[in-house]
C-alpha atoms as a PDB file:
ATOM      1  CA  MET A   1    -127.829-113.571  68.934  1.00  0.00           C
ATOM      2  CA  ASP A   2    -130.326-116.284  70.661  1.00  0.00           C
ATOM      3  CA  ASP A   3    -131.775-118.609  67.947  1.00  0.00           C
ATOM      4  CA  ASN A   4    -134.685-119.280  70.625  1.00  0.00           C
ATOM      5  CA  PRO A   5    -137.980-118.066  69.026  1.00  0.00           C
ATOM      6  CA  ASP A   6    -139.598-117.528  72.216  1.00  0.00           C
ATOM      7  CA  TYR A   7    -136.745-115.255  73.235  1.00  0.00           C
ATOM      8  CA  GLU A   8    -137.292-113.095  69.902  1.00  0.00           C
ATOM      9  CA  ILE A   9    -140.936-113.004  70.514  1.00  0.00           C
ATOM     10  CA  GLN A  10    -140.766-111.683  74.125  1.00  0.00           C
ATOM     11  CA  LEU A  11    -137.971-109.365  73.030  1.00  0.00           C
ATOM     12  CA  LYS A  12    -140.033-108.045  70.241  1.00  0.00           C
ATOM     13  CA  SER A  13    -142.855-107.833  72.882  1.00  0.00           C
ATOM     14  CA  ASP A  14    -140.689-105.770  75.433  1.00  0.00           C
ATOM     15  CA  LEU A  15    -139.563-103.364  72.762  1.00  0.00           C
ATOM     16  CA  LEU A  16    -143.227-102.793  71.790  1.00  0.00           C
ATOM     17  CA  LYS A  17    -144.125-101.970  75.219  1.00  0.00           C
ATOM     18  CA  ALA A  18    -141.258 -99.815  75.818  1.00  0.00           C
ATOM     19  CA  PHE A  19    -142.272 -97.753  72.672  1.00  0.00           C
ATOM     20  CA  GLU A  20    -145.646 -97.543  73.642  1.00  0.00           C
ATOM     21  CA  ALA A  21    -144.825 -96.199  77.224  1.00  0.00           C
ATOM     22  CA  ILE A  22    -142.405 -93.586  75.650  1.00  0.00           C
ATOM     23  CA  ASN A  23    -145.326 -92.653  73.556  1.00  0.00           C
ATOM     24  CA  ALA A  24    -147.925 -92.499  76.355  1.00  0.00           C
ATOM     25  CA  PRO A  25    -149.310 -88.924  76.768  1.00  0.00           C
ATOM     26  CA  ALA A  26    -147.462 -88.222  80.161  1.00  0.00           C
ATOM     27  CA  ASN A  27    -144.187 -89.453  78.265  1.00  0.00           C
ATOM     28  CA  ARG A  28    -144.278 -87.535  74.966  1.00  0.00           C
ATOM     29  CA  ALA A  29    -141.882 -84.801  75.971  1.00  0.00           C
ATOM     30  CA  LYS A  30    -139.385 -87.008  77.474  1.00  0.00           C
ATOM     31  CA  TYR A  31    -137.361 -88.436  74.482  1.00  0.00           C
ATOM     32  CA  ALA A  32    -133.820 -87.684  75.799  1.00  0.00           C
ATOM     33  CA  ALA A  33    -131.809 -87.404  79.095  1.00  0.00           C
ATOM     34  CA  TRP A  34    -128.535 -86.002  79.648  1.00  0.00           C
ATOM     35  CA  GLU A  35    -126.273 -86.313  82.762  1.00  0.00           C
ATOM     36  CA  ALA A  36    -122.487 -86.429  83.044  1.00  0.00           C
ATOM     37  CA  ASN A  37    -120.936 -89.615  84.772  1.00  0.00           C
ATOM     38  CA  GLN A  38    -117.549 -89.586  86.158  1.00  0.00           C
ATOM     39  CA  LYS A  39    -117.633 -93.267  86.915  1.00  0.00           C
ATOM     40  CA  THR A  40    -117.524 -94.596  83.667  1.00  0.00           C
ATOM     41  CA  PRO A  41    -115.338 -97.634  83.121  1.00  0.00           C
ATOM     42  CA  PRO A  42    -112.537 -97.749  80.645  1.00  0.00           C
ATOM     43  CA  ALA A  43    -113.566 -97.841  77.081  1.00  0.00           C
ATOM     44  CA  ARG A  44    -111.863-101.068  76.227  1.00  0.00           C
ATOM     45  CA  VAL A  45    -113.176-102.807  73.631  1.00  0.00           C
ATOM     46  CA  ASN A  46    -112.417-106.219  72.013  1.00  0.00           C
ATOM     47  CA  VAL A  47    -113.387-107.982  68.694  1.00  0.00           C
ATOM     48  CA  ASP A  48    -113.205-111.617  68.218  1.00  0.00           C
ATOM     49  CA  GLY A  49    -110.242-112.242  65.710  1.00  0.00           C
ATOM     50  CA  VAL A  50    -109.146-108.484  66.028  1.00  0.00           C
ATOM     51  CA  GLY A  51    -108.131-107.986  69.560  1.00  0.00           C
ATOM     52  CA  ASP A  52    -108.438-104.758  71.423  1.00  0.00           C
ATOM     53  CA  VAL A  53    -109.597-101.736  69.595  1.00  0.00           C
ATOM     54  CA  ASP A  54    -107.887 -98.831  70.300  1.00  0.00           C
ATOM     55  CA  ILE A  55    -108.550 -95.213  69.880  1.00  0.00           C
ATOM     56  CA  PRO A  56    -107.361 -93.728  67.129  1.00  0.00           C
ATOM     57  CA  LEU A  57    -107.673 -96.586  64.876  1.00  0.00           C
ATOM     58  CA  SER A  58    -104.753 -97.473  63.091  1.00  0.00           C
ATOM     59  CA  GLU A  59    -105.127 -98.426  59.273  1.00  0.00           C
ATOM     60  CA  GLN A  60    -104.394-101.967  59.741  1.00  0.00           C
ATOM     61  CA  LYS A  61    -106.880-102.201  62.792  1.00  0.00           C
ATOM     62  CA  VAL A  62    -109.495-100.882  60.266  1.00  0.00           C
ATOM     63  CA  ARG A  63    -108.732-103.389  57.704  1.00  0.00           C
ATOM     64  CA  LEU A  64    -108.834-106.232  60.599  1.00  0.00           C
ATOM     65  CA  LEU A  65    -112.390-104.780  61.553  1.00  0.00           C
ATOM     66  CA  ILE A  66    -113.592-104.801  57.988  1.00  0.00           C
ATOM     67  CA  ALA A  67    -112.496-108.257  57.540  1.00  0.00           C
ATOM     68  CA  LYS A  68    -114.467-109.474  60.501  1.00  0.00           C
ATOM     69  CA  ALA A  69    -117.568-107.333  59.606  1.00  0.00           C
ATOM     70  CA  HIS A  70    -120.259-107.680  57.028  1.00  0.00           C
ATOM     71  CA  ARG A  71    -121.983-105.127  55.030  1.00  0.00           C
ATOM     72  CA  ALA A  72    -124.630-103.115  57.003  1.00  0.00           C
ATOM     73  CA  PRO A  73    -128.052-103.102  55.529  1.00  0.00           C
ATOM     74  CA  ASP A  74    -129.293 -99.808  54.516  1.00  0.00           C
ATOM     75  CA  GLY A  75    -133.013-100.003  54.509  1.00  0.00           C
ATOM     76  CA  ARG A  76    -133.572 -99.114  50.830  1.00  0.00           C
ATOM     77  CA  ARG A  77    -132.445-102.406  49.537  1.00  0.00           C
ATOM     78  CA  SER A  78    -130.739-102.101  46.144  1.00  0.00           C
ATOM     79  CA  LYS A  79    -131.527 -98.659  45.499  1.00  0.00           C
ATOM     80  CA  ALA A  80    -128.214 -97.257  47.331  1.00  0.00           C
ATOM     81  CA  ALA A  81    -126.150-100.445  47.180  1.00  0.00           C
ATOM     82  CA  HIS A  82    -123.641 -98.659  45.279  1.00  0.00           C
ATOM     83  CA  VAL A  83    -123.036 -95.935  47.374  1.00  0.00           C
ATOM     84  CA  ARG A  84    -123.237 -97.961  50.794  1.00  0.00           C
ATOM     85  CA  ASN A  85    -119.884 -98.379  52.485  1.00  0.00           C
ATOM     86  CA  ARG A  86    -120.933 -99.250  55.966  1.00  0.00           C
ATOM     87  CA  TRP A  87    -120.206-102.184  57.997  1.00  0.00           C
ATOM     88  CA  GLU A  88    -121.286-103.882  60.989  1.00  0.00           C
ATOM     89  CA  LEU A  89    -120.281-106.638  63.495  1.00  0.00           C
ATOM     90  CA  ASN A  90    -122.641-109.082  65.244  1.00  0.00           C
ATOM     91  CA  LYS A  91    -123.207-108.393  68.897  1.00  0.00           C
ATOM     92  CA  ASP A  92    -121.445-111.835  69.870  1.00  0.00           C
ATOM     93  CA  GLN A  93    -118.067-110.557  68.160  1.00  0.00           C
ATOM     94  CA  LEU A  94    -117.794-107.312  70.414  1.00  0.00           C
ATOM     95  CA  HIS A  95    -116.645-107.567  74.128  1.00  0.00           C
ATOM     96  CA  PHE A  96    -116.210-105.044  76.911  1.00  0.00           C
ATOM     97  CA  PRO A  97    -113.706-107.045  78.801  1.00  0.00           C
ATOM     98  CA  ASP A  98    -113.608-104.668  82.016  1.00  0.00           C
ATOM     99  CA  PRO A  99    -116.145-106.417  84.518  1.00  0.00           C
ATOM    100  CA  ALA A 100    -117.235-102.848  85.652  1.00  0.00           C
ATOM    101  CA  TRP A 101    -119.107-102.467  82.424  1.00  0.00           C
ATOM    102  CA  LYS A 102    -121.971-104.936  83.207  1.00  0.00           C
ATOM    103  CA  GLY A 103    -122.874-102.997  86.428  1.00  0.00           C
ATOM    104  CA  TYR A 104    -122.291 -99.844  84.599  1.00  0.00           C
ATOM    105  CA  LEU A 105    -125.097-100.818  81.968  1.00  0.00           C
ATOM    106  CA  ARG A 106    -127.552-101.743  84.661  1.00  0.00           C
ATOM    107  CA  THR A 107    -127.002 -98.274  86.474  1.00  0.00           C
ATOM    108  CA  VAL A 108    -127.209 -96.478  82.913  1.00  0.00           C
ATOM    109  CA  ARG A 109    -130.500 -98.519  82.176  1.00  0.00           C
ATOM    110  CA  GLN A 110    -132.081 -97.867  85.540  1.00  0.00           C
ATOM    111  CA  ASP A 111    -131.134 -93.974  85.377  1.00  0.00           C
ATOM    112  CA  LEU A 112    -132.735 -93.755  81.759  1.00  0.00           C
ATOM    113  CA  THR A 113    -136.081 -95.735  82.694  1.00  0.00           C
ATOM    114  CA  SER A 114    -136.487 -93.141  85.602  1.00  0.00           C
ATOM    115  CA  LYS A 115    -135.785 -90.206  83.528  1.00  0.00           C
ATOM    116  CA  LEU A 116    -137.770 -91.126  80.691  1.00  0.00           C
ATOM    117  CA  GLY A 117    -140.395 -92.615  82.286  1.00  0.00           C
ATOM    118  CA  ILE A 118    -140.282 -96.085  81.243  1.00  0.00           C
ATOM    119  CA  ASP A 119    -141.873 -98.356  83.494  1.00  0.00           C
ATOM    120  CA  VAL A 120    -141.346-101.647  81.292  1.00  0.00           C
ATOM    121  CA  PRO A 121    -138.387-103.896  81.183  1.00  0.00           C
ATOM    122  CA  ILE A 122    -135.404-102.961  79.265  1.00  0.00           C
ATOM    123  CA  ARG A 123    -133.114-105.875  78.111  1.00  0.00           C
ATOM    124  CA  LEU A 124    -129.449-105.626  78.028  1.00  0.00           C
ATOM    125  CA  GLY A 125    -128.251-108.148  75.119  1.00  0.00           C
END
């Protein structure tokens, strides 16, 4: 994550504009879009310190992932801490090594903004 406060402020501003655009009267009914895409790059995922993550996950790989992850916040503070069993990775730990992913995500972004009627920037990482 970028530690630049200006970047974070701009990101929050862009997100707010995107949500406002979705909530505009003309766009209220457009909350989902669906289309099959046969050109999806291979779903190869790599996690720092773990390596490639194959599906189905082996128990050994799950243990490695948990060792590199941290507890995910649940939004309820301590009320549900005893039942929480969710983990998350930071975005800088997660990589899609196939170079086709960057272009694919741009295409998906363009398709979604068009189909959902969003006319403000959507940031990809």
